[in-house]
Protein backbone atom coordinates (compact mmCIF):
# COMPACT_ATOMS: atom_id res chain seq x y z
CA MET A 1 -0.03 0.01 0.01
CA VAL A 2 2.77 2.41 0.74
CA LEU A 3 4.13 2.13 -2.86
CA HIS A 4 0.82 3.95 -3.85
CA LEU A 5 1.82 7.06 -1.86
CA ARG A 6 3.44 8.94 -4.67
CA TYR A 7 2.37 12.23 -6.21
CA PRO A 8 -0.72 14.36 -5.43
CA ASN A 9 -3.85 12.67 -6.91
CA ALA A 10 -6.97 11.00 -5.65
CA HIS A 11 -5.38 7.57 -5.55
CA THR A 12 -2.63 8.77 -3.21
CA HIS A 13 -5.22 10.61 -1.08
CA TRP A 14 -7.27 7.42 -0.75
CA PHE A 15 -4.26 5.36 0.43
CA SER A 16 -3.09 8.07 2.75
CA SER A 17 -6.53 8.30 4.33
CA LEU A 18 -6.62 4.42 4.62
CA PHE A 19 -3.37 4.47 6.47
CA LEU A 20 -4.61 7.18 8.93
CA TYR A 21 -7.87 5.35 9.41
CA LEU A 22 -6.09 2.03 10.23
CA TYR A 23 -3.72 3.79 12.55
CA VAL A 24 -6.47 5.51 14.52
CA ASP A 25 -9.29 2.86 14.62
CA VAL A 26 -7.31 -0.31 15.12
CA SER A 27 -6.35 -0.94 18.69
CA ASP A 28 -3.56 -3.34 17.85
CA ASP A 29 -0.22 -1.87 18.57
CA SER A 30 1.57 -4.30 16.29
CA LEU A 31 -0.23 -2.91 13.23
CA ARG A 32 0.73 0.58 14.29
CA GLU A 33 4.32 -0.46 14.59
CA ILE A 34 4.20 -2.02 11.09
CA ILE A 35 2.72 1.18 9.50
CA THR A 36 5.39 3.31 11.17
CA ARG A 37 8.26 0.97 10.19
CA VAL A 38 7.16 0.76 6.56
CA LEU A 39 6.79 4.52 6.25
CA MET A 40 10.16 5.06 7.89
CA GLU A 41 11.81 2.49 5.55
CA ARG A 42 10.65 4.57 2.56
CA PHE A 43 12.47 7.57 3.93
CA VAL A 44 15.74 5.76 4.73
CA VAL A 45 15.95 3.95 1.34
CA HIS A 46 14.74 6.16 -1.42
CA ARG A 47 15.70 9.71 -2.29
CA PRO A 48 13.86 11.93 -3.23
CA HIS A 49 11.07 10.78 -0.92
CA PRO A 50 7.68 10.30 -2.36
CA TRP A 51 5.29 13.21 -1.79
CA GLY A 52 2.41 11.10 -0.52
CA ALA A 53 4.58 9.20 1.96
CA LEU A 54 5.88 12.55 3.39
CA VAL A 55 2.36 13.98 3.69
CA THR A 56 1.06 10.78 5.38
CA PHE A 57 3.90 10.74 7.92
CA ILE A 58 3.54 14.50 8.67
CA GLU A 59 -0.22 13.88 9.19
CA LEU A 60 0.53 11.12 11.63
CA LEU A 61 2.77 13.51 13.56
CA ARG A 62 0.55 16.59 13.51
CA ASN A 63 -2.96 15.23 13.76
CA PRO A 64 -4.09 15.23 17.44
CA GLN A 65 -6.64 12.38 16.75
CA VAL A 66 -3.92 10.03 15.72
CA ARG A 67 -1.86 10.33 19.01
CA PHE A 68 1.31 9.17 17.29
CA LEU A 69 3.74 10.10 20.02
CA GLU A 70 1.84 8.42 22.84
């Protein structure tokens, strides 16, 4: 799914929203760790970083509903 987080379009927005939905609504911490790990791997390996992956990760950090840092 993270491979679909590329440039600004409706497809990227849908997958970004899906990631955020899964992160917020699923109470399983292992799924949250997997989502975080996969996004971080995209930033470590590839340069330049895909626009959609950056926006999704920033939204995870800034959105108060997500509670990423807890």
